[in-house]
């Protein structure tokens, strides 16, 4: 019974930490997007954004390669609904 209570406590704590982590990652992703869009020579063209079906932002993407390549990061994706709204 103690093990079951301990597991429930760990899972509820992990869920709270995940929610807080997701909120922080969303804030970081929004700041990264605004930073790119505020830079005139590096911003994403508006006509390209207007045609895009989805946008994926991974602020702290880590890349590495030695014979094969790898990428790791956590971010957010948003896609338009059917009909192009959103």
PDB file of N, CA and C in Angstrom:
ATOM      1  N   UNK A   1       0.820  -1.193   0.000  1.00  0.00           N
ATOM      2  CA  UNK A   1       0.000   0.000   0.000  1.00  0.00           C
ATOM      3  C   UNK A   1       0.868   1.263   0.000  1.00  0.00           C
ATOM      4  N   UNK A   2       1.988   1.221   0.758  1.00  0.00           N
ATOM      5  CA  UNK A   2       2.886   2.369   0.779  1.00  0.00           C
ATOM      6  C   UNK A   2       3.459   2.628  -0.608  1.00  0.00           C
ATOM      7  N   UNK A   3       3.791   1.549  -1.319  1.00  0.00           N
ATOM      8  CA  UNK A   3       4.351   1.695  -2.663  1.00  0.00           C
ATOM      9  C   UNK A   3       3.352   2.345  -3.606  1.00  0.00           C
ATOM     10  N   UNK A   4       2.088   1.988  -3.462  1.00  0.00           N
ATOM     11  CA  UNK A   4       1.048   2.559  -4.315  1.00  0.00           C
ATOM     12  C   UNK A   4       0.885   4.054  -4.037  1.00  0.00           C
ATOM     13  N   UNK A   5       0.921   4.452  -2.763  1.00  0.00           N
ATOM     14  CA  UNK A   5       0.821   5.869  -2.414  1.00  0.00           C
ATOM     15  C   UNK A   5       2.030   6.647  -2.916  1.00  0.00           C
ATOM     16  N   UNK A   6       3.208   6.042  -2.784  1.00  0.00           N
ATOM     17  CA  UNK A   6       4.427   6.680  -3.265  1.00  0.00           C
ATOM     18  C   UNK A   6       4.368   6.880  -4.776  1.00  0.00           C
ATOM     19  N   UNK A   7       3.904   5.863  -5.503  1.00  0.00           N
ATOM     20  CA  UNK A   7       3.780   5.971  -6.955  1.00  0.00           C
ATOM     21  C   UNK A   7       2.790   7.065  -7.334  1.00  0.00           C
ATOM     22  N   UNK A   8       1.657   7.136  -6.631  1.00  0.00           N
ATOM     23  CA  UNK A   8       0.668   8.174  -6.920  1.00  0.00           C
ATOM     24  C   UNK A   8       1.234   9.565  -6.657  1.00  0.00           C
ATOM     25  N   UNK A   9       2.005   9.712  -5.592  1.00  0.00           N
ATOM     26  CA  UNK A   9       2.626  11.000  -5.277  1.00  0.00           C
ATOM     27  C   UNK A   9       3.631  11.393  -6.342  1.00  0.00           C
ATOM     28  N   UNK A  10       4.447  10.449  -6.775  1.00  0.00           N
ATOM     29  CA  UNK A  10       5.446  10.719  -7.812  1.00  0.00           C
ATOM     30  C   UNK A  10       4.765  11.119  -9.115  1.00  0.00           C
ATOM     31  N   UNK A  11       3.716  10.395  -9.497  1.00  0.00           N
ATOM     32  CA  UNK A  11       3.019  10.706 -10.755  1.00  0.00           C
ATOM     33  C   UNK A  11       2.348  12.072 -10.701  1.00  0.00           C
ATOM     34  N   UNK A  12       1.742  12.427  -9.577  1.00  0.00           N
ATOM     35  CA  UNK A  12       1.087  13.740  -9.493  1.00  0.00           C
ATOM     36  C   UNK A  12       2.123  14.863  -9.498  1.00  0.00           C
ATOM     37  N   UNK A  13       3.258  14.643  -8.861  1.00  0.00           N
ATOM     38  CA  UNK A  13       4.331  15.640  -8.877  1.00  0.00           C
ATOM     39  C   UNK A  13       4.885  15.799 -10.283  1.00  0.00           C
ATOM     40  N   UNK A  14       5.062  14.688 -10.997  1.00  0.00           N
ATOM     41  CA  UNK A  14       5.568  14.741 -12.372  1.00  0.00           C
ATOM     42  C   UNK A  14       4.597  15.489 -13.275  1.00  0.00           C
ATOM     43  N   UNK A  15       3.297  15.302 -13.077  1.00  0.00           N
ATOM     44  CA  UNK A  15       2.299  16.006 -13.895  1.00  0.00           C
ATOM     45  C   UNK A  15       2.355  17.504 -13.655  1.00  0.00           C
ATOM     46  N   UNK A  16       2.533  17.913 -12.401  1.00  0.00           N
ATOM     47  CA  UNK A  16       2.628  19.341 -12.080  1.00  0.00           C
ATOM     48  C   UNK A  16       3.887  19.934 -12.697  1.00  0.00           C
ATOM     49  N   UNK A  17       5.005  19.216 -12.582  1.00  0.00           N
ATOM     50  CA  UNK A  17       6.249  19.704 -13.168  1.00  0.00           C
ATOM     51  C   UNK A  17       6.162  19.777 -14.682  1.00  0.00           C
ATOM     52  N   UNK A  18       5.491  18.811 -15.310  1.00  0.00           N
ATOM     53  CA  UNK A  18       5.334  18.829 -16.769  1.00  0.00           C
ATOM     54  C   UNK A  18       4.508  20.024 -17.221  1.00  0.00           C
ATOM     55  N   UNK A  19       3.460  20.340 -16.494  1.00  0.00           N
ATOM     56  CA  UNK A  19       2.628  21.494 -16.845  1.00  0.00           C
ATOM     57  C   UNK A  19       3.414  22.790 -16.702  1.00  0.00           C
ATOM     58  N   UNK A  20       4.186  22.901 -15.636  1.00  0.00           N
ATOM     59  CA  UNK A  20       4.998  24.097 -15.449  1.00  0.00           C
ATOM     60  C   UNK A  20       6.074  24.189 -16.521  1.00  0.00           C
ATOM     61  N   UNK A  21       6.667  23.055 -16.879  1.00  0.00           N
ATOM     62  CA  UNK A  21       7.680  23.014 -17.927  1.00  0.00           C
ATOM     63  C   UNK A  21       7.076  23.399 -19.276  1.00  0.00           C
ATOM     64  N   UNK A  22       5.882  22.910 -19.561  1.00  0.00           N
ATOM     65  CA  UNK A  22       5.223  23.240 -20.828  1.00  0.00           C
ATOM     66  C   UNK A  22       4.910  24.727 -20.912  1.00  0.00           C
ATOM     67  N   UNK A  23       4.466  25.310 -19.819  1.00  0.00           N
ATOM     68  CA  UNK A  23       4.169  26.745 -19.818  1.00  0.00           C
ATOM     69  C   UNK A  23       5.441  27.552 -20.063  1.00  0.00           C
ATOM     70  N   UNK A  24       6.539  27.149 -19.447  1.00  0.00           N
ATOM     71  CA  UNK A  24       7.813  27.843 -19.636  1.00  0.00           C
ATOM     72  C   UNK A  24       8.311  27.677 -21.071  1.00  0.00           C
ATOM     73  N   UNK A  25       8.179  26.463 -21.624  1.00  0.00           N
ATOM     74  CA  UNK A  25       8.606  26.230 -23.006  1.00  0.00           C
ATOM     75  C   UNK A  25       7.771  27.041 -23.985  1.00  0.00           C
ATOM     76  N   UNK A  26       6.461  27.168 -23.718  1.00  0.00           N
ATOM     77  CA  UNK A  26       5.599  27.964 -24.585  1.00  0.00           C
ATOM     78  C   UNK A  26       6.006  29.434 -24.545  1.00  0.00           C
ATOM     79  N   UNK A  27       6.317  29.939 -23.373  1.00  0.00           N
ATOM     80  CA  UNK A  27       6.770  31.325 -23.234  1.00  0.00           C
ATOM     81  C   UNK A  27       8.075  31.542 -23.989  1.00  0.00           C
ATOM     82  N   UNK A  28       9.010  30.603 -23.852  1.00  0.00           N
ATOM     83  CA  UNK A  28      10.294  30.710 -24.544  1.00  0.00           C
ATOM     84  C   UNK A  28      10.106  30.645 -26.055  1.00  0.00           C
ATOM     85  N   UNK A  29       9.223  29.765 -26.521  1.00  0.00           N
ATOM     86  CA  UNK A  29       8.958  29.654 -27.953  1.00  0.00           C
ATOM     87  C   UNK A  29       8.350  30.944 -28.496  1.00  0.00           C
ATOM     88  N   UNK A  30       7.427  31.537 -27.763  1.00  0.00           N
ATOM     89  CA  UNK A  30       6.806  32.792 -28.199  1.00  0.00           C
ATOM     90  C   UNK A  30       7.833  33.913 -28.252  1.00  0.00           C
ATOM     91  N   UNK A  31       8.706  33.981 -27.253  1.00  0.00           N
ATOM     92  CA  UNK A  31       9.750  35.001 -27.257  1.00  0.00           C
ATOM     93  C   UNK A  31      10.712  34.814 -28.427  1.00  0.00           C
ATOM     94  N   UNK A  32      11.059  33.568 -28.733  1.00  0.00           N
ATOM     95  CA  UNK A  32      11.956  33.297 -29.860  1.00  0.00           C
ATOM     96  C   UNK A  32      11.328  33.711 -31.179  1.00  0.00           C
ATOM     97  N   UNK A  33      10.036  33.406 -31.348  1.00  0.00           N
ATOM     98  CA  UNK A  33       9.337  33.773 -32.576  1.00  0.00           C
ATOM     99  C   UNK A  33       9.266  35.289 -32.734  1.00  0.00           C
ATOM    100  N   UNK A  34       8.937  35.978 -31.653  1.00  0.00           N
ATOM    101  CA  UNK A  34       8.857  37.439 -31.713  1.00  0.00           C
ATOM    102  C   UNK A  34      10.230  38.054 -31.984  1.00  0.00           C
ATOM    103  N   UNK A  35      11.271  37.468 -31.436  1.00  0.00           N
ATOM    104  CA  UNK A  35      12.626  37.965 -31.672  1.00  0.00           C
ATOM    105  C   UNK A  35      13.004  37.841 -33.151  1.00  0.00           C
ATOM    106  N   UNK A  36      12.659  36.709 -33.754  1.00  0.00           N
ATOM    107  CA  UNK A  36      12.950  36.520 -35.183  1.00  0.00           C
ATOM    108  C   UNK A  36      12.125  37.485 -36.026  1.00  0.00           C
ATOM    109  N   UNK A  37      10.859  37.641 -35.706  1.00  0.00           N
ATOM    110  CA  UNK A  37       9.984  38.503 -36.504  1.00  0.00           C
ATOM    111  C   UNK A  37      10.311  39.986 -36.327  1.00  0.00           C
ATOM    112  N   UNK A  38      10.904  40.362 -35.208  1.00  0.00           N
ATOM    113  CA  UNK A  38      11.262  41.763 -34.979  1.00  0.00           C
ATOM    114  C   UNK A  38      12.565  42.164 -35.670  1.00  0.00           C
ATOM    115  N   UNK A  39      13.332  41.206 -36.153  1.00  0.00           N
ATOM    116  CA  UNK A  39      14.575  41.492 -36.855  1.00  0.00           C
ATOM    117  C   UNK A  39      14.257  41.622 -38.348  1.00  0.00           C
ATOM    118  N   UNK A  40      14.324  42.817 -38.919  1.00  0.00           N
ATOM    119  CA  UNK A  40      13.880  43.026 -40.298  1.00  0.00           C
ATOM    120  C   UNK A  40      14.609  42.174 -41.335  1.00  0.00           C
ATOM    121  N   UNK A  41      15.906  41.993 -41.184  1.00  0.00           N
ATOM    122  CA  UNK A  41      16.647  41.265 -42.213  1.00  0.00           C
ATOM    123  C   UNK A  41      16.584  39.743 -42.043  1.00  0.00           C
ATOM    124  N   UNK A  42      16.063  39.250 -40.927  1.00  0.00           N
ATOM    125  CA  UNK A  42      16.000  37.805 -40.695  1.00  0.00           C
ATOM    126  C   UNK A  42      14.587  37.294 -40.489  1.00  0.00           C
ATOM    127  N   UNK A  43      13.586  38.161 -40.555  1.00  0.00           N
ATOM    128  CA  UNK A  43      12.218  37.737 -40.270  1.00  0.00           C
ATOM    129  C   UNK A  43      11.676  36.844 -41.390  1.00  0.00           C
ATOM    130  N   UNK A  44      10.665  36.068 -41.046  1.00  0.00           N
ATOM    131  CA  UNK A  44      10.012  35.194 -42.013  1.00  0.00           C
ATOM    132  C   UNK A  44       9.070  36.059 -42.842  1.00  0.00           C
ATOM    133  N   UNK A  45       9.153  35.982 -44.170  1.00  0.00           N
ATOM    134  CA  UNK A  45       8.267  36.814 -45.005  1.00  0.00           C
ATOM    135  C   UNK A  45       6.786  36.537 -44.719  1.00  0.00           C
ATOM    136  N   UNK A  46       5.989  37.596 -44.682  1.00  0.00           N
ATOM    137  CA  UNK A  46       4.569  37.463 -44.372  1.00  0.00           C
ATOM    138  C   UNK A  46       3.837  36.579 -45.380  1.00  0.00           C
ATOM    139  N   UNK A  47       4.217  36.663 -46.666  1.00  0.00           N
ATOM    140  CA  UNK A  47       3.537  35.828 -47.662  1.00  0.00           C
ATOM    141  C   UNK A  47       3.825  34.340 -47.444  1.00  0.00           C
ATOM    142  N   UNK A  48       5.001  34.017 -46.917  1.00  0.00           N
ATOM    143  CA  UNK A  48       5.332  32.630 -46.600  1.00  0.00           C
ATOM    144  C   UNK A  48       4.523  32.156 -45.384  1.00  0.00           C
ATOM    145  N   UNK A  49       4.401  33.014 -44.378  1.00  0.00           N
ATOM    146  CA  UNK A  49       3.578  32.659 -43.216  1.00  0.00           C
ATOM    147  C   UNK A  49       2.113  32.506 -43.596  1.00  0.00           C
ATOM    148  N   UNK A  50       1.648  33.325 -44.539  1.00  0.00           N
ATOM    149  CA  UNK A  50       0.248  33.249 -44.966  1.00  0.00           C
ATOM    150  C   UNK A  50      -0.049  31.929 -45.661  1.00  0.00           C
ATOM    151  N   UNK A  51       0.945  31.350 -46.350  1.00  0.00           N
ATOM    152  CA  UNK A  51       0.751  30.082 -47.061  1.00  0.00           C
ATOM    153  C   UNK A  51       1.029  28.864 -46.194  1.00  0.00           C
ATOM    154  N   UNK A  52       1.732  29.047 -45.076  1.00  0.00           N
ATOM    155  CA  UNK A  52       2.160  27.918 -44.248  1.00  0.00           C
ATOM    156  C   UNK A  52       0.969  27.178 -43.644  1.00  0.00           C
ATOM    157  N   UNK A  53       1.036  25.858 -43.677  1.00  0.00           N
ATOM    158  CA  UNK A  53       0.008  25.048 -43.028  1.00  0.00           C
ATOM    159  C   UNK A  53       0.313  24.876 -41.549  1.00  0.00           C
ATOM    160  N   UNK A  54       1.591  24.753 -41.210  1.00  0.00           N
ATOM    161  CA  UNK A  54       2.010  24.567 -39.820  1.00  0.00           C
ATOM    162  C   UNK A  54       3.268  25.379 -39.545  1.00  0.00           C
ATOM    163  N   UNK A  55       3.460  25.728 -38.281  1.00  0.00           N
ATOM    164  CA  UNK A  55       4.674  26.394 -37.830  1.00  0.00           C
ATOM    165  C   UNK A  55       5.166  25.607 -36.620  1.00  0.00           C
ATOM    166  N   UNK A  56       6.452  25.279 -36.630  1.00  0.00           N
ATOM    167  CA  UNK A  56       7.059  24.562 -35.516  1.00  0.00           C
ATOM    168  C   UNK A  56       8.190  25.422 -34.974  1.00  0.00           C
ATOM    169  N   UNK A  57       8.183  25.640 -33.664  1.00  0.00           N
ATOM    170  CA  UNK A  57       9.217  26.453 -33.021  1.00  0.00           C
ATOM    171  C   UNK A  57       9.886  25.599 -31.950  1.00  0.00           C
ATOM    172  N   UNK A  58      11.186  25.420 -32.093  1.00  0.00           N
ATOM    173  CA  UNK A  58      11.997  24.695 -31.119  1.00  0.00           C
ATOM    174  C   UNK A  58      13.130  25.641 -30.722  1.00  0.00           C
ATOM    175  N   UNK A  59      12.947  26.392 -29.626  1.00  0.00           N
ATOM    176  CA  UNK A  59      13.899  27.449 -29.286  1.00  0.00           C
ATOM    177  C   UNK A  59      15.315  26.966 -28.988  1.00  0.00           C
ATOM    178  N   UNK A  60      15.467  25.871 -28.305  1.00  0.00           N
ATOM    179  CA  UNK A  60      16.791  25.408 -27.892  1.00  0.00           C
ATOM    180  C   UNK A  60      17.160  24.107 -28.594  1.00  0.00           C
ATOM    181  N   UNK A  61      17.067  24.100 -29.902  1.00  0.00           N
ATOM    182  CA  UNK A  61      17.385  22.905 -30.679  1.00  0.00           C
ATOM    183  C   UNK A  61      18.882  22.629 -30.598  1.00  0.00           C
ATOM    184  N   UNK A  62      19.198  21.385 -30.256  1.00  0.00           N
ATOM    185  CA  UNK A  62      20.598  20.983 -30.183  1.00  0.00           C
ATOM    186  C   UNK A  62      20.881  20.049 -31.346  1.00  0.00           C
ATOM    187  N   UNK A  63      21.982  20.295 -32.040  1.00  0.00           N
ATOM    188  CA  UNK A  63      22.358  19.484 -33.188  1.00  0.00           C
ATOM    189  C   UNK A  63      23.731  18.883 -32.950  1.00  0.00           C
ATOM    190  N   UNK A  64      23.924  17.709 -33.496  1.00  0.00           N
ATOM    191  CA  UNK A  64      25.231  17.076 -33.412  1.00  0.00           C
ATOM    192  C   UNK A  64      25.388  16.093 -34.552  1.00  0.00           C
ATOM    193  N   UNK A  65      26.615  15.854 -34.943  1.00  0.00           N
ATOM    194  CA  UNK A  65      26.855  14.904 -36.014  1.00  0.00           C
ATOM    195  C   UNK A  65      28.252  14.320 -35.904  1.00  0.00           C
ATOM    196  N   UNK A  66      28.332  13.042 -36.098  1.00  0.00           N
ATOM    197  CA  UNK A  66      29.584  12.319 -36.249  1.00  0.00           C
ATOM    198  C   UNK A  66      29.208  11.058 -36.987  1.00  0.00           C
ATOM    199  N   UNK A  67      29.462  11.014 -38.252  1.00  0.00           N
ATOM    200  CA  UNK A  67      29.042   9.972 -39.196  1.00  0.00           C
ATOM    201  C   UNK A  67      27.534  10.097 -39.469  1.00  0.00           C
ATOM    202  N   UNK A  68      26.696  10.116 -38.440  1.00  0.00           N
ATOM    203  CA  UNK A  68      25.272  10.367 -38.632  1.00  0.00           C
ATOM    204  C   UNK A  68      24.895  11.598 -37.808  1.00  0.00           C
ATOM    205  N   UNK A  69      23.827  12.246 -38.181  1.00  0.00           N
ATOM    206  CA  UNK A  69      23.413  13.462 -37.494  1.00  0.00           C
ATOM    207  C   UNK A  69      22.257  13.214 -36.544  1.00  0.00           C
ATOM    208  N   UNK A  70      22.115  14.096 -35.596  1.00  0.00           N
ATOM    209  CA  UNK A  70      21.024  14.006 -34.633  1.00  0.00           C
ATOM    210  C   UNK A  70      20.605  15.410 -34.217  1.00  0.00           C
ATOM    211  N   UNK A  71      19.332  15.537 -33.870  1.00  0.00           N
ATOM    212  CA  UNK A  71      18.791  16.793 -33.368  1.00  0.00           C
ATOM    213  C   UNK A  71      17.924  16.468 -32.165  1.00  0.00           C
ATOM    214  N   UNK A  72      17.961  17.349 -31.166  1.00  0.00           N
ATOM    215  CA  UNK A  72      17.139  17.158 -29.982  1.00  0.00           C
ATOM    216  C   UNK A  72      16.626  18.510 -29.501  1.00  0.00           C
ATOM    217  N   UNK A  73      15.385  18.542 -29.116  1.00  0.00           N
ATOM    218  CA  UNK A  73      14.825  19.758 -28.568  1.00  0.00           C
ATOM    219  C   UNK A  73      13.354  19.581 -28.284  1.00  0.00           C
ATOM    220  N   UNK A  74      12.822  20.467 -27.480  1.00  0.00           N
ATOM    221  CA  UNK A  74      11.400  20.471 -27.172  1.00  0.00           C
ATOM    222  C   UNK A  74      10.856  21.821 -27.586  1.00  0.00           C
ATOM    223  N   UNK A  75       9.700  21.802 -28.220  1.00  0.00           N
ATOM    224  CA  UNK A  75       9.108  23.043 -28.673  1.00  0.00           C
ATOM    225  C   UNK A  75       7.621  22.873 -28.883  1.00  0.00           C
ATOM    226  N   UNK A  76       7.061  23.675 -29.749  1.00  0.00           N
ATOM    227  CA  UNK A  76       5.636  23.642 -30.016  1.00  0.00           C
ATOM    228  C   UNK A  76       5.368  23.717 -31.509  1.00  0.00           C
ATOM    229  N   UNK A  77       4.253  23.118 -31.901  1.00  0.00           N
ATOM    230  CA  UNK A  77       3.792  23.166 -33.285  1.00  0.00           C
ATOM    231  C   UNK A  77       2.354  23.667 -33.286  1.00  0.00           C
ATOM    232  N   UNK A  78       2.023  24.451 -34.276  1.00  0.00           N
ATOM    233  CA  UNK A  78       0.650  24.893 -34.451  1.00  0.00           C
ATOM    234  C   UNK A  78       0.302  24.779 -35.932  1.00  0.00           C
ATOM    235  N   UNK A  79      -0.895  24.301 -36.220  1.00  0.00           N
ATOM    236  CA  UNK A  79      -1.337  24.108 -37.600  1.00  0.00           C
ATOM    237  C   UNK A  79      -2.686  24.779 -37.805  1.00  0.00           C
ATOM    238  N   UNK A  80      -2.932  25.143 -39.053  1.00  0.00           N
ATOM    239  CA  UNK A  80      -4.231  25.736 -39.399  1.00  0.00           C
ATOM    240  C   UNK A  80      -5.291  24.646 -39.447  1.00  0.00           C
ATOM    241  N   UNK A  81      -6.518  25.047 -39.197  1.00  0.00           N
ATOM    242  CA  UNK A  81      -7.653  24.133 -39.302  1.00  0.00           C
ATOM    243  C   UNK A  81      -8.033  24.011 -40.768  1.00  0.00           C
ATOM    244  N   UNK A  82      -8.917  23.089 -41.069  1.00  0.00           N
ATOM    245  CA  UNK A  82      -9.394  22.954 -42.441  1.00  0.00           C
ATOM    246  C   UNK A  82     -10.027  24.259 -42.895  1.00  0.00           C
ATOM    247  N   UNK A  83      -9.783  24.638 -44.108  1.00  0.00           N
ATOM    248  CA  UNK A  83     -10.294  25.893 -44.631  1.00  0.00           C
ATOM    249  C   UNK A  83      -9.318  27.033 -44.463  1.00  0.00           C
ATOM    250  N   UNK A  84      -8.152  26.757 -43.838  1.00  0.00           N
ATOM    251  CA  UNK A  84      -7.110  27.764 -43.723  1.00  0.00           C
ATOM    252  C   UNK A  84      -7.277  28.742 -42.575  1.00  0.00           C
ATOM    253  N   UNK A  85      -8.222  28.492 -41.662  1.00  0.00           N
ATOM    254  CA  UNK A  85      -8.383  29.397 -40.524  1.00  0.00           C
ATOM    255  C   UNK A  85      -7.447  29.012 -39.394  1.00  0.00           C
ATOM    256  N   UNK A  86      -7.064  29.994 -38.612  1.00  0.00           N
ATOM    257  CA  UNK A  86      -6.216  29.696 -37.448  1.00  0.00           C
ATOM    258  C   UNK A  86      -4.851  30.305 -37.592  1.00  0.00           C
TER     259      UNK A  86
END
